[in-house]
Amino acid sequence: MRKTIIGAYLVISCSAPIDYFGNEVKIKTDRIYLLKIREDKFDKDKYTLIFVEQRGNPTKSSLKKRKVTLYRYIDLIMSINGYTEKNIIEERSRGVIDPRYHVTIEFD
C-alpha cells in the first residue's frame, strides 16, 4: 500500500502541468498558466482569471512573457464566448510559496 501511494505521487508530481483548457504548459516559456475562471455574481460579463505563476523574482523579460501569455488566454476566451472588447480592471500577484496571478476583466 505504501509503495503504491509513493509511486502514484511520483507519477503525478513528475507530469507536466495542464491548464484550464486541457493543454500542456511549459511554465519556463509561458511564465503563467490558467488555473480557474470565476464569473462575477452580479455581472455576467465580468470574470476573474486565476493563473499559476512561475516561482522566483520576475525580471523585465519574464514580465513580458507573462503579458503575452495573458493576452493569448484573453483572446481565446473572447473567441470562445463571442466577445469583441475587453477591459482589464485589476491585476495582482499573491503568494510566495505557491504564487498566483489574479486578473479581473470585463468583456463587451
N, C-alpha and C. Protein backbone atom coordinates (compact mmCIF):
# COMPACT_ATOMS: atom_id res chain seq x y z
N MET A 1 0.83 -1.19 0.00
CA MET A 1 0.00 0.00 0.00
C MET A 1 0.88 1.26 0.00
N ARG A 2 1.88 1.27 0.83
CA ARG A 2 2.76 2.43 0.93
C ARG A 2 3.50 2.67 -0.38
N LYS A 3 3.96 1.59 -1.03
CA LYS A 3 4.67 1.71 -2.30
C LYS A 3 3.75 2.25 -3.39
N THR A 4 2.51 1.86 -3.36
CA THR A 4 1.54 2.34 -4.34
C THR A 4 1.32 3.85 -4.20
N ILE A 5 1.19 4.31 -2.97
CA ILE A 5 0.98 5.74 -2.73
C ILE A 5 2.20 6.54 -3.16
N ILE A 6 3.38 6.05 -2.83
CA ILE A 6 4.60 6.75 -3.22
C ILE A 6 4.76 6.76 -4.74
N GLY A 7 4.45 5.63 -5.38
CA GLY A 7 4.53 5.56 -6.84
C GLY A 7 3.55 6.50 -7.52
N ALA A 8 2.33 6.58 -7.00
CA ALA A 8 1.32 7.48 -7.57
C ALA A 8 1.74 8.93 -7.39
N TYR A 9 2.30 9.25 -6.25
CA TYR A 9 2.77 10.62 -6.00
C TYR A 9 3.87 11.00 -6.98
N LEU A 10 4.80 10.10 -7.23
CA LEU A 10 5.88 10.38 -8.16
C LEU A 10 5.38 10.59 -9.58
N VAL A 11 4.43 9.78 -10.01
CA VAL A 11 3.88 9.92 -11.36
C VAL A 11 3.15 11.24 -11.50
N ILE A 12 2.37 11.61 -10.51
CA ILE A 12 1.60 12.86 -10.58
C ILE A 12 2.51 14.07 -10.50
N SER A 13 3.50 14.04 -9.61
CA SER A 13 4.36 15.21 -9.44
C SER A 13 5.32 15.41 -10.61
N CYS A 14 5.62 14.37 -11.35
CA CYS A 14 6.56 14.49 -12.47
C CYS A 14 5.87 14.84 -13.79
N SER A 15 4.56 14.80 -13.83
CA SER A 15 3.86 15.10 -15.07
C SER A 15 3.82 16.61 -15.32
N ALA A 16 3.68 16.98 -16.58
CA ALA A 16 3.63 18.39 -16.96
C ALA A 16 2.31 18.99 -16.50
N PRO A 17 2.30 20.27 -16.09
CA PRO A 17 1.06 20.90 -15.67
C PRO A 17 0.10 21.06 -16.86
N ILE A 18 -1.18 21.06 -16.54
CA ILE A 18 -2.22 21.20 -17.56
C ILE A 18 -3.06 22.42 -17.20
N ASP A 19 -3.34 23.27 -18.19
CA ASP A 19 -4.10 24.49 -17.93
C ASP A 19 -5.60 24.21 -17.91
N TYR A 20 -6.38 25.26 -17.77
CA TYR A 20 -7.84 25.20 -17.65
C TYR A 20 -8.49 24.53 -18.87
N PHE A 21 -7.90 24.72 -20.04
CA PHE A 21 -8.46 24.19 -21.28
C PHE A 21 -7.93 22.81 -21.62
N GLY A 22 -7.06 22.23 -20.79
CA GLY A 22 -6.55 20.89 -21.01
C GLY A 22 -5.27 20.82 -21.81
N ASN A 23 -4.61 21.94 -22.02
CA ASN A 23 -3.36 21.96 -22.77
C ASN A 23 -2.17 21.81 -21.83
N GLU A 24 -1.13 21.11 -22.30
CA GLU A 24 0.09 21.03 -21.51
C GLU A 24 0.80 22.38 -21.53
N VAL A 25 1.45 22.71 -20.44
CA VAL A 25 2.06 24.02 -20.27
C VAL A 25 3.56 23.87 -20.06
N LYS A 26 4.31 24.76 -20.70
CA LYS A 26 5.75 24.87 -20.44
C LYS A 26 5.93 26.13 -19.61
N ILE A 27 5.99 25.96 -18.29
CA ILE A 27 5.99 27.10 -17.37
C ILE A 27 7.23 27.96 -17.56
N LYS A 28 8.32 27.41 -18.01
CA LYS A 28 9.55 28.20 -18.22
C LYS A 28 9.38 29.20 -19.36
N THR A 29 8.64 28.85 -20.39
CA THR A 29 8.48 29.74 -21.53
C THR A 29 7.24 30.63 -21.41
N ASP A 30 6.21 30.17 -20.72
CA ASP A 30 4.96 30.94 -20.63
C ASP A 30 4.86 31.80 -19.38
N ARG A 31 5.58 31.45 -18.31
CA ARG A 31 5.61 32.16 -17.04
C ARG A 31 4.34 31.95 -16.21
N ILE A 32 3.15 31.84 -16.84
CA ILE A 32 1.89 31.60 -16.13
C ILE A 32 1.07 30.60 -16.93
N TYR A 33 0.10 29.97 -16.24
CA TYR A 33 -0.93 29.20 -16.95
C TYR A 33 -2.24 29.31 -16.19
N LEU A 34 -3.34 29.25 -16.93
CA LEU A 34 -4.67 29.48 -16.38
C LEU A 34 -5.12 28.29 -15.54
N LEU A 35 -5.52 28.57 -14.30
CA LEU A 35 -5.98 27.53 -13.39
C LEU A 35 -7.50 27.54 -13.27
N LYS A 36 -8.09 28.73 -13.07
CA LYS A 36 -9.53 28.85 -12.87
C LYS A 36 -10.07 30.10 -13.55
N ILE A 37 -11.35 30.04 -13.90
CA ILE A 37 -12.08 31.21 -14.36
C ILE A 37 -13.30 31.34 -13.46
N ARG A 38 -13.42 32.49 -12.81
CA ARG A 38 -14.58 32.73 -11.95
C ARG A 38 -15.43 33.84 -12.54
N GLU A 39 -16.71 33.54 -12.69
CA GLU A 39 -17.66 34.54 -13.19
C GLU A 39 -18.16 35.38 -12.02
N ASP A 40 -18.31 36.67 -12.23
CA ASP A 40 -18.80 37.57 -11.20
C ASP A 40 -20.27 37.26 -10.90
N LYS A 41 -20.64 37.38 -9.64
CA LYS A 41 -22.02 37.06 -9.23
C LYS A 41 -23.04 38.04 -9.78
N PHE A 42 -22.62 39.29 -9.95
CA PHE A 42 -23.57 40.33 -10.33
C PHE A 42 -23.48 40.75 -11.79
N ASP A 43 -22.33 40.55 -12.42
CA ASP A 43 -22.14 40.96 -13.81
C ASP A 43 -21.68 39.75 -14.61
N LYS A 44 -22.50 39.28 -15.53
CA LYS A 44 -22.18 38.06 -16.26
C LYS A 44 -21.02 38.22 -17.25
N ASP A 45 -20.64 39.46 -17.57
CA ASP A 45 -19.54 39.70 -18.50
C ASP A 45 -18.23 40.04 -17.79
N LYS A 46 -18.19 39.87 -16.49
CA LYS A 46 -17.00 40.18 -15.70
C LYS A 46 -16.45 38.87 -15.13
N TYR A 47 -15.15 38.63 -15.33
CA TYR A 47 -14.51 37.39 -14.91
C TYR A 47 -13.24 37.68 -14.14
N THR A 48 -12.91 36.78 -13.23
CA THR A 48 -11.61 36.79 -12.58
C THR A 48 -10.86 35.56 -13.05
N LEU A 49 -9.71 35.78 -13.66
CA LEU A 49 -8.86 34.69 -14.14
C LEU A 49 -7.78 34.47 -13.10
N ILE A 50 -7.60 33.22 -12.70
CA ILE A 50 -6.59 32.88 -11.70
C ILE A 50 -5.53 32.03 -12.38
N PHE A 51 -4.30 32.52 -12.36
CA PHE A 51 -3.18 31.85 -13.00
C PHE A 51 -2.20 31.33 -11.96
N VAL A 52 -1.55 30.22 -12.28
CA VAL A 52 -0.40 29.76 -11.51
C VAL A 52 0.80 30.46 -12.11
N GLU A 53 1.62 31.05 -11.25
CA GLU A 53 2.77 31.81 -11.73
C GLU A 53 4.06 31.07 -11.39
N GLN A 54 5.05 31.23 -12.24
CA GLN A 54 6.36 30.63 -12.01
C GLN A 54 6.98 31.24 -10.75
N ARG A 55 7.63 30.40 -9.97
CA ARG A 55 8.29 30.88 -8.75
C ARG A 55 9.52 31.69 -9.10
N GLY A 56 9.92 32.56 -8.18
CA GLY A 56 11.13 33.34 -8.36
C GLY A 56 10.82 34.80 -8.63
N ASN A 57 11.85 35.60 -8.52
CA ASN A 57 11.70 37.03 -8.77
C ASN A 57 11.50 37.29 -10.26
N PRO A 58 10.47 38.05 -10.61
CA PRO A 58 10.25 38.35 -12.02
C PRO A 58 11.26 39.36 -12.55
N THR A 59 11.64 39.16 -13.80
CA THR A 59 12.51 40.11 -14.49
C THR A 59 11.69 40.81 -15.55
N LYS A 60 12.28 41.79 -16.22
CA LYS A 60 11.55 42.50 -17.28
C LYS A 60 11.14 41.56 -18.40
N SER A 61 12.04 40.65 -18.79
CA SER A 61 11.71 39.73 -19.87
C SER A 61 10.64 38.72 -19.44
N SER A 62 10.67 38.28 -18.18
CA SER A 62 9.65 37.33 -17.73
C SER A 62 8.29 38.01 -17.58
N LEU A 63 8.28 39.29 -17.22
CA LEU A 63 7.02 40.02 -17.16
C LEU A 63 6.43 40.22 -18.55
N LYS A 64 7.28 40.38 -19.55
CA LYS A 64 6.79 40.47 -20.94
C LYS A 64 6.19 39.14 -21.37
N LYS A 65 6.85 38.03 -21.00
CA LYS A 65 6.31 36.70 -21.32
C LYS A 65 4.95 36.51 -20.65
N ARG A 66 4.83 36.95 -19.40
CA ARG A 66 3.57 36.83 -18.67
C ARG A 66 2.48 37.61 -19.37
N LYS A 67 2.79 38.82 -19.84
CA LYS A 67 1.81 39.66 -20.53
C LYS A 67 1.36 39.03 -21.85
N VAL A 68 2.32 38.47 -22.59
CA VAL A 68 1.99 37.81 -23.86
C VAL A 68 1.07 36.62 -23.62
N THR A 69 1.39 35.82 -22.61
CA THR A 69 0.56 34.65 -22.29
C THR A 69 -0.82 35.08 -21.81
N LEU A 70 -0.88 36.14 -21.00
CA LEU A 70 -2.17 36.66 -20.53
C LEU A 70 -3.05 37.05 -21.70
N TYR A 71 -2.51 37.81 -22.65
CA TYR A 71 -3.33 38.23 -23.80
C TYR A 71 -3.70 37.07 -24.70
N ARG A 72 -2.88 36.04 -24.75
CA ARG A 72 -3.24 34.85 -25.52
C ARG A 72 -4.45 34.16 -24.91
N TYR A 73 -4.48 34.03 -23.57
CA TYR A 73 -5.64 33.45 -22.90
C TYR A 73 -6.88 34.34 -23.06
N ILE A 74 -6.71 35.64 -22.94
CA ILE A 74 -7.85 36.56 -23.09
C ILE A 74 -8.44 36.45 -24.50
N ASP A 75 -7.59 36.40 -25.52
CA ASP A 75 -8.08 36.25 -26.89
C ASP A 75 -8.81 34.93 -27.08
N LEU A 76 -8.33 33.87 -26.44
CA LEU A 76 -9.00 32.57 -26.52
C LEU A 76 -10.38 32.64 -25.88
N ILE A 77 -10.48 33.24 -24.71
CA ILE A 77 -11.77 33.37 -24.02
C ILE A 77 -12.73 34.24 -24.84
N MET A 78 -12.21 35.31 -25.43
CA MET A 78 -13.05 36.17 -26.26
C MET A 78 -13.58 35.42 -27.48
N SER A 79 -12.75 34.62 -28.11
CA SER A 79 -13.21 33.89 -29.30
C SER A 79 -14.20 32.79 -28.94
N ILE A 80 -14.03 32.15 -27.81
CA ILE A 80 -14.96 31.09 -27.39
C ILE A 80 -16.33 31.66 -27.05
N ASN A 81 -16.35 32.78 -26.33
CA ASN A 81 -17.61 33.35 -25.84
C ASN A 81 -18.20 34.43 -26.74
N GLY A 82 -17.50 34.82 -27.80
CA GLY A 82 -18.04 35.78 -28.75
C GLY A 82 -17.92 37.23 -28.33
N TYR A 83 -17.01 37.54 -27.44
CA TYR A 83 -16.80 38.93 -27.03
C TYR A 83 -15.91 39.65 -28.05
N THR A 84 -16.09 40.97 -28.14
CA THR A 84 -15.28 41.74 -29.09
C THR A 84 -14.34 42.73 -28.41
N GLU A 85 -14.66 43.13 -27.18
CA GLU A 85 -13.83 44.10 -26.46
C GLU A 85 -13.54 43.60 -25.06
N LYS A 86 -12.44 44.11 -24.51
CA LYS A 86 -12.06 43.73 -23.15
C LYS A 86 -11.58 44.96 -22.39
N ASN A 87 -11.71 44.91 -21.09
CA ASN A 87 -11.20 45.96 -20.22
C ASN A 87 -10.62 45.29 -18.98
N ILE A 88 -9.29 45.35 -18.81
CA ILE A 88 -8.65 44.77 -17.64
C ILE A 88 -8.84 45.73 -16.48
N ILE A 89 -9.56 45.29 -15.47
CA ILE A 89 -9.90 46.14 -14.33
C ILE A 89 -8.82 46.10 -13.26
N GLU A 90 -8.32 44.90 -12.96
CA GLU A 90 -7.37 44.76 -11.86
C GLU A 90 -6.42 43.59 -12.13
N GLU A 91 -5.16 43.76 -11.74
CA GLU A 91 -4.17 42.70 -11.79
C GLU A 91 -3.44 42.69 -10.45
N ARG A 92 -3.25 41.49 -9.90
CA ARG A 92 -2.48 41.40 -8.66
C ARG A 92 -1.84 40.02 -8.54
N SER A 93 -0.68 39.99 -7.92
CA SER A 93 0.02 38.75 -7.64
C SER A 93 -0.08 38.47 -6.16
N ARG A 94 -0.29 37.19 -5.82
CA ARG A 94 -0.43 36.81 -4.42
C ARG A 94 0.37 35.54 -4.17
N GLY A 95 0.95 35.45 -3.01
CA GLY A 95 1.63 34.24 -2.57
C GLY A 95 3.10 34.23 -2.91
N VAL A 96 3.86 33.55 -2.08
CA VAL A 96 5.30 33.42 -2.28
C VAL A 96 5.64 31.97 -2.57
N ILE A 97 5.15 31.07 -1.75
CA ILE A 97 5.46 29.65 -1.92
C ILE A 97 4.70 29.07 -3.11
N ASP A 98 3.44 29.43 -3.24
CA ASP A 98 2.61 28.96 -4.34
C ASP A 98 1.98 30.19 -5.01
N PRO A 99 2.76 30.92 -5.84
CA PRO A 99 2.29 32.21 -6.36
C PRO A 99 1.11 32.08 -7.33
N ARG A 100 0.18 33.01 -7.17
CA ARG A 100 -0.99 33.10 -8.05
C ARG A 100 -1.06 34.52 -8.60
N TYR A 101 -1.55 34.63 -9.82
CA TYR A 101 -1.70 35.91 -10.51
C TYR A 101 -3.18 36.05 -10.84
N HIS A 102 -3.85 37.05 -10.27
CA HIS A 102 -5.29 37.26 -10.43
C HIS A 102 -5.51 38.44 -11.37
N VAL A 103 -6.38 38.25 -12.35
CA VAL A 103 -6.71 39.32 -13.30
C VAL A 103 -8.23 39.40 -13.40
N THR A 104 -8.77 40.59 -13.16
CA THR A 104 -10.20 40.82 -13.28
C THR A 104 -10.45 41.55 -14.59
N ILE A 105 -11.32 40.98 -15.43
CA ILE A 105 -11.58 41.50 -16.77
C ILE A 105 -13.07 41.65 -16.99
N GLU A 106 -13.44 42.73 -17.67
CA GLU A 106 -14.82 42.93 -18.08
C GLU A 106 -14.85 42.89 -19.61
N PHE A 107 -15.69 42.04 -20.15
CA PHE A 107 -15.82 41.87 -21.59
C PHE A 107 -17.08 42.57 -22.10
N ASP A 108 -17.05 42.97 -23.37
CA ASP A 108 -18.23 43.54 -24.03
C ASP A 108 -18.48 42.80 -25.32
